[in-house]
């Protein structure tokens, strides 16, 4: 075991008492399965929990929360394990692993889905699409439902159907005192407001109930690709085009290294490129007309057209695999200036790791249709989010890639405002006030004092009840 191995000594009798009625698995350092369970999407995370509680149901979650509180342990919650900051793995603490809780039950008549807290978006997508239904999920299908939803939840359907959390009907939450609480518009509505954007600050969500939408099984999706030397032209088009598209169309512009795939011309493979990725949630013919201006821009590669929604949801999965090292910066923007375009293009040209990306995601639409205080998610009126994700394979390259990501963030900061909770990194806990409007943060702090006054759930973008 590494030098970072756990030093926390647990009360053996308390662990035995927990184990006696536990339906899942309890893993201590050295146990078979411990190393695999503590490993998450971002390979930079090398934390060692004192105990991993792999829960099979709500009773296990309640028991584990009570154990963590009684033993004064920091408690983390692992759903999909996709947190780039690694807050799902409690170093020297108790890690609640919900990955055994992935059931999804769809009611096609009522157009709802009940989803356990450890489910991935691929689990929900698969079950909902059996009935031609869908709800806004992540851009990557191996993202966890829980973390994405409690932070807000953006994805390919966001402009048409709003955030994942905007489609939440109810949540079952195990609070810090070990109670199971139902949160909805009619029950504990204050908590319901908070779990839709406030992150994991208020408890462990064991089940989510979502409203689904009749999408069908096909969308107009895919991407178009240009060499980086055409970035100015493409971004000039993108910012004007974004102002006139229908709400059914969601756009992402990305700087990346062109992959060695059959649809990419040989002379572009391995070179820096700029892409526009699309998803039109509506009539296919109307969608094809809506994306025609992109095709008219003469891309070097173009695979935009009718595709299964499940294919759209997995389009970027291979671009962001488990086991690489990830570091991120994020900001909201109201527009894209000429100076911003120059900064982004220069940063893309300076990317040393072929896996790194800069994505520029367009919102508004249904996101901005709700009042600013409808949920804890802030910045509904932001037009774009810039998400810089450095991605590399070797620890020897940490400094170079982290430095590149930080330099771009600092250069873009004068043109940005606010931050998206789910994209914040491990070293950005000081950006709490960037993530929430002042009145939202004040309300969240009041809520924290009500549901978690001792700050048991602090391994997150933490809302301290004492501040």
Protein backbone atom coordinates (compact mmCIF):
# COMPACT_ATOMS: atom_id res chain seq x y z
CA UNK A 1 0.00 0.00 0.00
CA UNK A 2 1.25 3.52 -0.77
CA UNK A 3 2.60 6.00 1.78
CA UNK A 4 -0.74 7.80 1.50
CA UNK A 5 -2.49 4.75 2.95
CA UNK A 6 -5.13 5.22 5.59
CA UNK A 7 -3.98 6.04 9.12
CA UNK A 8 -7.42 6.65 10.64
CA UNK A 9 -8.19 4.01 13.26
CA UNK A 10 -11.81 2.96 13.37
CA UNK A 11 -13.70 1.65 16.38
CA UNK A 12 -13.74 -2.07 15.57
CA UNK A 13 -16.84 -2.74 17.62
CA UNK A 14 -18.70 0.06 15.84
CA UNK A 15 -17.67 -1.37 12.45
CA UNK A 16 -18.85 -4.82 13.51
CA UNK A 17 -22.15 -3.37 14.67
CA UNK A 18 -22.59 -1.64 11.30
CA UNK A 19 -21.72 -4.85 9.44
CA UNK A 20 -24.25 -6.91 11.36
CA UNK A 21 -27.22 -5.27 9.69
CA UNK A 22 -25.61 -4.07 6.46
CA UNK A 23 -27.00 -5.47 3.22
CA UNK A 24 -24.18 -4.28 0.97
CA UNK A 25 -20.42 -4.55 1.35
CA UNK A 26 -18.03 -2.92 3.81
CA UNK A 27 -14.46 -2.57 2.57
CA UNK A 28 -11.43 -1.74 4.69
CA UNK A 29 -7.94 -0.98 3.34
CA UNK A 30 -6.40 -4.23 2.17
CA UNK A 31 -9.73 -5.92 1.52
CA UNK A 32 -10.38 -7.42 -1.89
CA UNK A 33 -12.19 -4.83 -3.98
CA UNK A 34 -11.03 -1.85 -1.91
CA UNK A 35 -8.59 -0.50 -4.51
CA UNK A 36 -11.12 -0.80 -7.31
CA UNK A 37 -13.86 0.85 -5.25
CA UNK A 38 -11.73 3.87 -4.33
CA UNK A 39 -10.70 4.45 -7.96
CA UNK A 40 -12.80 6.96 -9.89
CA UNK A 41 -12.91 8.55 -13.34
CA UNK A 42 -10.11 11.05 -12.67
CA UNK A 43 -6.84 9.19 -12.12
CA UNK A 44 -5.40 12.20 -10.28
CA UNK A 45 -7.61 11.25 -7.32
CA UNK A 46 -5.63 8.95 -5.04
CA UNK A 47 -7.58 9.20 -1.78
CA UNK A 48 -7.78 6.38 0.75
CA UNK A 49 -11.06 6.09 2.69
CA UNK A 50 -10.93 4.59 6.15
CA UNK A 51 -14.03 2.62 5.21
CA UNK A 52 -16.02 2.16 2.02
CA UNK A 53 -19.71 1.34 2.48
CA UNK A 54 -21.10 -0.10 -0.74
CA UNK A 55 -24.82 0.38 -0.18
CA UNK A 56 -27.53 -1.81 -1.72
CA UNK A 57 -30.48 0.29 -0.64
CA UNK A 58 -31.80 3.11 1.50
CA UNK A 59 -31.45 1.15 4.75
CA UNK A 60 -27.72 0.80 4.09
CA UNK A 61 -27.40 4.52 3.38
CA UNK A 62 -29.15 5.41 6.64
CA UNK A 63 -26.92 3.02 8.60
CA UNK A 64 -23.76 4.37 6.97
CA UNK A 65 -24.71 8.02 7.56
CA UNK A 66 -25.41 7.26 11.22
CA UNK A 67 -22.06 5.48 11.50
CA UNK A 68 -20.16 8.37 9.92
CA UNK A 69 -21.82 10.90 12.20
CA UNK A 70 -21.27 8.85 15.37
CA UNK A 71 -17.60 8.26 14.51
CA UNK A 72 -17.02 11.90 13.53
CA UNK A 73 -15.77 10.90 10.09
CA UNK A 74 -15.86 13.04 6.97
CA UNK A 75 -18.47 11.51 4.67
CA UNK A 76 -18.37 11.43 0.88
CA UNK A 77 -20.91 10.09 -1.60
CA UNK A 78 -19.91 8.25 -4.78
CA UNK A 79 -22.58 7.98 -7.44
CA UNK A 80 -21.03 7.73 -10.90
CA UNK A 81 -17.58 8.68 -9.58
CA UNK A 82 -17.30 11.37 -12.27
CA UNK A 83 -16.48 14.33 -10.02
CA UNK A 84 -13.38 15.89 -11.56
CA UNK A 85 -12.51 17.26 -8.11
CA UNK A 86 -12.61 13.78 -6.59
CA UNK A 87 -14.84 14.80 -3.69
CA UNK A 88 -16.65 11.48 -3.92
CA UNK A 89 -13.69 9.72 -2.28
CA UNK A 90 -13.25 10.68 1.39
CA UNK A 91 -9.57 10.59 2.30
CA UNK A 92 -9.27 9.14 5.82
CA UNK A 93 -13.07 9.13 6.05
CA UNK A 94 -16.21 7.22 5.13
CA UNK A 95 -17.08 6.77 1.47
CA UNK A 96 -20.69 5.90 0.68
CA UNK A 97 -20.56 4.03 -2.62
CA UNK A 98 -23.95 3.97 -4.34
CA UNK A 99 -22.77 2.15 -7.45
CA UNK A 100 -24.77 -0.96 -6.49
CA UNK A 101 -27.96 1.17 -6.54
CA UNK A 102 -28.58 1.65 -10.28
CA UNK A 103 -32.21 0.62 -10.80
CA UNK A 104 -34.40 2.69 -13.14
CA UNK A 105 -38.18 2.25 -13.32
CA UNK A 106 -40.01 4.03 -16.14
CA UNK A 107 -43.75 4.66 -16.18
CA UNK A 108 -44.47 5.31 -19.88
CA UNK A 109 -48.08 6.37 -19.28
CA UNK A 110 -47.19 9.01 -16.71
CA UNK A 111 -43.87 9.76 -18.45
CA UNK A 112 -41.84 9.50 -15.27
CA UNK A 113 -38.77 7.62 -14.14
CA UNK A 114 -37.72 6.62 -10.62
CA UNK A 115 -33.92 6.39 -10.55
CA UNK A 116 -31.65 5.15 -7.78
CA UNK A 117 -28.83 7.39 -6.65
CA UNK A 118 -26.00 5.32 -8.11
CA UNK A 119 -27.39 5.11 -11.65
CA UNK A 120 -25.50 6.42 -14.66
CA UNK A 121 -27.13 8.43 -17.42
CA UNK A 122 -26.67 5.44 -19.71
CA UNK A 123 -28.94 3.45 -17.37
CA UNK A 124 -31.68 6.08 -17.48
CA UNK A 125 -31.30 6.72 -21.21
CA UNK A 126 -31.60 3.04 -22.07
CA UNK A 127 -34.79 2.51 -20.05
CA UNK A 128 -36.47 5.75 -21.16
CA UNK A 129 -35.64 5.25 -24.83
CA UNK A 130 -37.44 1.90 -24.84
CA UNK A 131 -40.58 4.08 -24.81
CA UNK A 132 -39.26 6.96 -26.96
CA UNK A 133 -38.82 9.13 -23.85
CA UNK A 134 -35.90 11.17 -22.53
CA UNK A 135 -34.80 13.82 -20.06
CA UNK A 136 -31.78 16.12 -20.15
CA UNK A 137 -28.72 14.09 -19.15
CA UNK A 138 -24.97 14.61 -19.30
CA UNK A 139 -22.90 15.04 -22.44
CA UNK A 140 -21.14 11.83 -21.37
CA UNK A 141 -23.27 8.76 -20.70
CA UNK A 142 -21.02 7.33 -17.96
CA UNK A 143 -21.67 10.41 -15.79
CA UNK A 144 -23.67 9.72 -12.62
CA UNK A 145 -27.29 10.86 -12.40
CA UNK A 146 -26.95 12.03 -8.80
CA UNK A 147 -23.99 14.38 -9.02
CA UNK A 148 -25.07 15.93 -12.29
CA UNK A 149 -28.65 16.55 -11.13
CA UNK A 150 -27.86 17.99 -7.71
CA UNK A 151 -25.45 20.44 -9.35
CA UNK A 152 -27.94 21.53 -12.02
CA UNK A 153 -27.47 19.21 -14.98
CA UNK A 154 -26.66 20.26 -18.54
CA UNK A 155 -26.74 18.10 -21.65
CA UNK A 156 -27.90 17.78 -25.24
CA UNK A 157 -31.58 18.49 -24.47
CA UNK A 158 -30.99 21.46 -22.17
CA UNK A 159 -32.29 24.22 -24.45
CA UNK A 160 -35.50 22.33 -25.21
CA UNK A 161 -36.29 20.71 -21.85
CA UNK A 162 -34.17 22.61 -19.34
CA UNK A 163 -31.68 21.32 -16.80
CA UNK A 164 -31.80 17.80 -15.40
CA UNK A 165 -32.80 19.33 -12.07
CA UNK A 166 -35.59 21.36 -13.72
CA UNK A 167 -37.18 18.01 -14.60
CA UNK A 168 -36.94 16.62 -11.08
CA UNK A 169 -40.34 15.89 -9.54
CA UNK A 170 -39.19 14.52 -6.20
CA UNK A 171 -36.13 13.25 -4.34
CA UNK A 172 -35.74 10.90 -1.37
CA UNK A 173 -32.94 12.27 0.80
CA UNK A 174 -31.15 10.76 3.79
CA UNK A 175 -30.23 13.77 5.92
CA UNK A 176 -27.32 14.17 8.31
CA UNK A 177 -29.38 12.97 11.28
CA UNK A 178 -30.21 9.71 9.48
CA UNK A 179 -33.79 10.54 8.54
CA UNK A 180 -35.29 9.70 5.15
CA UNK A 181 -37.01 12.83 3.87
CA UNK A 182 -39.19 13.21 0.79
CA UNK A 183 -38.51 16.47 -1.05
CA UNK A 184 -40.92 17.84 -3.66
CA UNK A 185 -42.95 20.96 -4.37
CA UNK A 186 -45.48 19.83 -1.75
CA UNK A 187 -43.18 18.14 0.80
CA UNK A 188 -40.14 19.83 2.31
CA UNK A 189 -40.14 22.29 -0.56
CA UNK A 190 -37.19 24.18 0.91
CA UNK A 191 -35.01 21.08 0.60
CA UNK A 192 -36.40 20.38 -2.86
CA UNK A 193 -35.29 23.85 -3.94
CA UNK A 194 -31.82 23.25 -2.49
CA UNK A 195 -31.05 19.84 -3.97
CA UNK A 196 -31.67 21.29 -7.43
CA UNK A 197 -28.33 23.04 -7.78
CA UNK A 198 -26.97 23.05 -4.22
CA UNK A 199 -24.89 19.92 -4.75
CA UNK A 200 -24.56 17.23 -2.10
CA UNK A 201 -24.62 19.66 0.81
CA UNK A 202 -27.89 18.54 2.39
CA UNK A 203 -27.86 14.75 2.36
CA UNK A 204 -27.67 11.61 0.26
CA UNK A 205 -30.29 11.35 -2.48
CA UNK A 206 -31.25 7.68 -2.70
CA UNK A 207 -33.91 8.05 -5.42
CA UNK A 208 -34.76 10.70 -7.99
CA UNK A 209 -38.13 10.96 -9.74
CA UNK A 210 -37.91 12.65 -13.14
CA UNK A 211 -40.42 13.99 -15.61
CA UNK A 212 -39.73 12.47 -19.05
CA UNK A 213 -40.46 13.93 -22.49
CA UNK A 214 -41.65 12.33 -25.75
CA UNK A 215 -38.48 12.69 -27.80
CA UNK A 216 -38.68 9.60 -30.01
CA UNK A 217 -35.56 7.56 -30.63
CA UNK A 218 -33.88 9.70 -33.33
CA UNK A 219 -32.39 13.20 -33.28
CA UNK A 220 -30.35 15.28 -35.70
CA UNK A 221 -26.90 15.09 -34.11
CA UNK A 222 -23.22 14.61 -34.70
CA UNK A 223 -20.41 17.03 -35.44
CA UNK A 224 -18.57 19.00 -38.09
CA UNK A 225 -14.82 19.64 -38.02
CA UNK A 226 -12.43 22.30 -39.38
CA UNK A 227 -8.64 22.76 -39.07
CA UNK A 228 -7.59 25.21 -36.36
CA UNK A 229 -6.46 27.82 -38.89
CA UNK A 230 -10.15 28.35 -39.71
CA UNK A 231 -11.11 28.96 -36.07
CA UNK A 232 -11.70 32.71 -36.48
CA UNK A 233 -14.13 32.07 -39.33
CA UNK A 234 -15.92 29.28 -37.46
CA UNK A 235 -16.27 31.23 -34.22
CA UNK A 236 -17.51 34.35 -36.01
CA UNK A 237 -20.20 32.13 -37.52
CA UNK A 238 -20.93 30.34 -34.25
CA UNK A 239 -21.65 33.43 -32.16
CA UNK A 240 -23.98 34.87 -34.82
CA UNK A 241 -25.66 31.52 -35.49
CA UNK A 242 -26.32 30.91 -31.79
CA UNK A 243 -28.48 34.04 -31.66
CA UNK A 244 -30.99 32.77 -34.19
CA UNK A 245 -31.35 29.03 -33.58
CA UNK A 246 -34.57 27.44 -32.22
CA UNK A 247 -34.75 26.07 -28.68
CA UNK A 248 -34.80 22.53 -30.06
CA UNK A 249 -31.16 22.94 -31.09
CA UNK A 250 -28.28 22.69 -28.60
CA UNK A 251 -24.74 23.60 -29.71
CA UNK A 252 -21.27 22.91 -28.36
CA UNK A 253 -18.15 24.33 -29.97
CA UNK A 254 -14.96 22.48 -29.12
CA UNK A 255 -11.24 22.90 -29.64
CA UNK A 256 -9.59 19.49 -29.80
CA UNK A 257 -7.06 17.32 -31.58
CA UNK A 258 -8.71 15.66 -34.58
CA UNK A 259 -9.04 11.93 -33.85
CA UNK A 260 -7.81 9.11 -36.14
CA UNK A 261 -11.32 8.12 -37.19
CA UNK A 262 -12.52 7.13 -40.68
CA UNK A 263 -14.65 10.27 -41.18
CA UNK A 264 -11.66 12.58 -40.49
CA UNK A 265 -9.45 13.30 -43.54
CA UNK A 266 -5.95 11.85 -43.23
CA UNK A 267 -4.31 15.28 -43.39
CA UNK A 268 -6.37 16.52 -40.42
CA UNK A 269 -5.92 13.52 -38.11
CA UNK A 270 -3.67 14.36 -35.15
CA UNK A 271 -3.85 18.09 -35.86
CA UNK A 272 -5.53 20.83 -33.83
CA UNK A 273 -9.09 21.43 -34.93
CA UNK A 274 -12.33 23.18 -34.06
CA UNK A 275 -15.67 21.36 -34.03
CA UNK A 276 -19.34 22.23 -33.78
CA UNK A 277 -21.37 19.47 -32.14
CA UNK A 278 -25.16 19.57 -32.42
CA UNK A 279 -28.34 17.97 -31.16
CA UNK A 280 -31.77 18.90 -32.50
CA UNK A 281 -34.61 17.56 -30.32
CA UNK A 282 -37.58 17.65 -32.64
CA UNK A 283 -38.81 16.93 -36.16
CA UNK A 284 -35.93 15.51 -38.19
CA UNK A 285 -36.65 17.48 -41.35
CA UNK A 286 -36.84 20.72 -39.39
CA UNK A 287 -33.64 19.75 -37.64
CA UNK A 288 -31.81 19.19 -40.91
CA UNK A 289 -32.91 22.63 -42.10
CA UNK A 290 -31.78 24.18 -38.81
CA UNK A 291 -28.23 22.74 -39.07
CA UNK A 292 -27.78 23.38 -42.80
CA UNK A 293 -25.83 26.63 -42.18
CA UNK A 294 -23.17 24.57 -40.43
CA UNK A 295 -22.86 22.28 -43.42
CA UNK A 296 -22.69 25.33 -45.71
CA UNK A 297 -19.56 26.43 -43.85
CA UNK A 298 -17.61 23.74 -45.76
CA UNK A 299 -16.29 21.63 -42.88
CA UNK A 300 -13.37 19.30 -43.52
CA UNK A 301 -15.40 16.52 -41.89
CA UNK A 302 -19.16 16.37 -41.42
CA UNK A 303 -21.14 13.60 -39.75
CA UNK A 304 -24.18 15.69 -38.83
CA UNK A 305 -27.47 13.99 -39.61
CA UNK A 306 -30.23 11.79 -38.16
CA UNK A 307 -28.81 9.45 -35.52
CA UNK A 308 -30.26 7.47 -32.59
CA UNK A 309 -30.49 9.55 -29.45
CA UNK A 310 -28.57 6.82 -27.61
CA UNK A 311 -25.73 7.29 -30.10
CA UNK A 312 -25.79 11.06 -29.52
CA UNK A 313 -25.57 10.43 -25.77
CA UNK A 314 -22.44 8.30 -26.20
CA UNK A 315 -20.86 10.46 -28.91
CA UNK A 316 -18.15 11.85 -26.59
CA UNK A 317 -17.76 8.88 -24.21
CA UNK A 318 -14.49 7.72 -25.74
CA UNK A 319 -13.10 11.27 -25.68
CA UNK A 320 -13.28 11.36 -21.87
CA UNK A 321 -12.39 7.82 -20.71
CA UNK A 322 -11.87 6.54 -17.18
CA UNK A 323 -8.27 6.37 -16.01
CA UNK A 324 -6.78 9.54 -17.49
CA UNK A 325 -5.66 12.52 -15.42
CA UNK A 326 -8.06 15.49 -15.53
CA UNK A 327 -7.85 19.12 -14.45
CA UNK A 328 -10.49 21.73 -15.18
CA UNK A 329 -11.52 25.36 -15.13
CA UNK A 330 -14.95 26.80 -15.90
CA UNK A 331 -16.74 30.14 -16.26
CA UNK A 332 -20.03 31.49 -17.55
CA UNK A 333 -19.95 34.10 -20.29
CA UNK A 334 -22.54 36.49 -21.67
CA UNK A 335 -20.94 36.63 -25.10
CA UNK A 336 -17.79 35.95 -27.09
CA UNK A 337 -15.63 38.95 -27.94
CA UNK A 338 -13.00 39.22 -30.64
CA UNK A 339 -10.37 39.27 -27.88
CA UNK A 340 -11.87 36.12 -26.39
CA UNK A 341 -11.70 34.35 -29.72
CA UNK A 342 -8.01 35.22 -30.04
CA UNK A 343 -7.29 33.93 -26.53
CA UNK A 344 -9.15 30.67 -27.11
CA UNK A 345 -7.49 30.01 -30.45
CA UNK A 346 -4.02 30.69 -29.06
CA UNK A 347 -4.68 28.41 -26.09
CA UNK A 348 -5.92 25.64 -28.39
CA UNK A 349 -2.76 25.96 -30.45
CA UNK A 350 -0.71 25.66 -27.25
CA UNK A 351 -2.41 22.44 -26.05
CA UNK A 352 0.35 19.90 -25.55
CA UNK A 353 -1.82 16.91 -24.61
CA UNK A 354 -3.79 15.42 -27.53
CA UNK A 355 -6.67 14.53 -25.19
CA UNK A 356 -7.27 18.06 -23.84
CA UNK A 357 -10.30 20.04 -24.96
CA UNK A 358 -11.81 23.49 -24.65
CA UNK A 359 -15.59 23.44 -25.01
CA UNK A 360 -17.84 26.42 -25.46
CA UNK A 361 -21.42 25.45 -24.61
CA UNK A 362 -24.49 27.47 -25.56
CA UNK A 363 -27.51 27.69 -23.20
CA UNK A 364 -30.46 30.04 -22.66
CA UNK A 365 -33.65 28.54 -24.16
CA UNK A 366 -35.57 26.54 -21.55
CA UNK A 367 -32.85 27.17 -18.95
CA UNK A 368 -33.66 30.87 -18.94
CA UNK A 369 -37.43 30.33 -19.11
CA UNK A 370 -37.66 29.76 -15.36
CA UNK A 371 -37.24 32.56 -12.79
CA UNK A 372 -33.72 33.13 -11.48
CA UNK A 373 -34.71 31.86 -8.03
CA UNK A 374 -36.75 28.84 -9.18
CA UNK A 375 -34.03 26.47 -7.92
CA UNK A 376 -30.61 26.76 -6.33
CA UNK A 377 -28.95 26.65 -9.75
CA UNK A 378 -27.68 30.14 -10.53
CA UNK A 379 -26.81 32.04 -13.71
CA UNK A 380 -29.83 30.99 -15.75
CA UNK A 381 -29.31 34.04 -17.92
CA UNK A 382 -25.75 33.13 -18.91
CA UNK A 383 -25.42 32.56 -22.63
CA UNK A 384 -22.34 30.36 -22.70
CA UNK A 385 -20.14 28.23 -20.47
CA UNK A 386 -16.49 27.74 -21.23
CA UNK A 387 -15.17 24.42 -19.93
CA UNK A 388 -11.41 23.87 -20.20
CA UNK A 389 -10.45 20.26 -19.51
CA UNK A 390 -6.80 19.30 -19.50
CA UNK A 391 -6.49 15.55 -19.98
CA UNK A 392 -3.29 13.52 -20.05
CA UNK A 393 -1.94 10.10 -19.17
CA UNK A 394 1.27 10.46 -17.13
CA UNK A 395 1.83 12.08 -13.73
CA UNK A 396 5.12 13.39 -15.10
CA UNK A 397 3.10 15.82 -17.23
CA UNK A 398 0.97 17.21 -14.39
CA UNK A 399 2.65 20.61 -14.09
CA UNK A 400 2.61 21.33 -17.80
CA UNK A 401 -1.07 20.52 -18.28
CA UNK A 402 -2.31 22.13 -15.08
CA UNK A 403 -0.36 25.27 -15.95
CA UNK A 404 -1.89 25.42 -19.43
CA UNK A 405 -5.41 25.13 -18.02
CA UNK A 406 -4.82 27.79 -15.36
CA UNK A 407 -3.28 30.25 -17.82
CA UNK A 408 -6.27 30.03 -20.14
CA UNK A 409 -8.70 30.52 -17.25
CA UNK A 410 -6.88 33.63 -16.07
CA UNK A 411 -6.74 35.05 -19.58
CA UNK A 412 -10.51 34.54 -20.05
CA UNK A 413 -11.52 35.75 -16.58
CA UNK A 414 -12.01 39.44 -17.65
CA UNK A 415 -14.64 38.25 -20.16
CA UNK A 416 -16.49 35.87 -17.84
CA UNK A 417 -18.68 35.80 -14.77
CA UNK A 418 -19.74 33.07 -12.38
CA UNK A 419 -19.05 29.36 -12.44
CA UNK A 420 -20.93 26.08 -12.84
CA UNK A 421 -20.80 23.93 -9.69
CA UNK A 422 -20.33 20.60 -11.49
CA UNK A 423 -17.27 21.78 -13.41
CA UNK A 424 -15.29 23.24 -10.49
CA UNK A 425 -11.99 21.60 -9.60
CA UNK A 426 -10.56 20.41 -6.31
CA UNK A 427 -8.55 23.62 -5.80
CA UNK A 428 -11.47 25.98 -6.44
CA UNK A 429 -13.30 25.93 -3.11
CA UNK A 430 -12.83 29.70 -2.97
CA UNK A 431 -15.23 30.06 -5.91
CA UNK A 432 -18.39 29.37 -3.91
CA UNK A 433 -19.53 32.95 -4.44
CA UNK A 434 -18.89 32.62 -8.15
CA UNK A 435 -21.20 29.61 -8.32
CA UNK A 436 -24.23 31.24 -6.68
CA UNK A 437 -25.97 34.60 -6.69
CA UNK A 438 -25.65 36.34 -3.26
CA UNK A 439 -29.33 35.85 -2.38
CA UNK A 440 -29.15 32.19 -3.44
CA UNK A 441 -26.06 31.56 -1.32
CA UNK A 442 -27.71 33.16 1.71
CA UNK A 443 -30.74 30.91 1.28
CA UNK A 444 -28.52 27.84 0.87
CA UNK A 445 -26.68 28.64 4.08
CA UNK A 446 -29.98 28.87 5.95
CA UNK A 447 -30.95 25.51 4.47
CA UNK A 448 -27.61 24.00 5.48
CA UNK A 449 -28.15 25.09 9.08
CA UNK A 450 -31.52 23.34 9.02
CA UNK A 451 -30.51 20.00 7.48
CA UNK A 452 -26.78 19.67 8.23
CA UNK A 453 -25.81 22.07 11.05
CA UNK A 454 -22.65 20.07 11.89
CA UNK A 455 -21.52 20.05 8.24
CA UNK A 456 -21.29 16.27 7.99
CA UNK A 457 -21.61 16.57 4.20
CA UNK A 458 -18.68 18.87 3.57
CA UNK A 459 -16.78 17.04 0.84
CA UNK A 460 -18.22 19.12 -1.98
CA UNK A 461 -18.33 22.76 -3.00
CA UNK A 462 -19.14 23.27 0.63
CA UNK A 463 -21.76 25.60 2.01
CA UNK A 464 -20.53 26.09 5.56
CA UNK A 465 -23.42 26.56 8.02
CA UNK A 466 -21.22 28.77 10.21
CA UNK A 467 -20.25 31.30 7.55
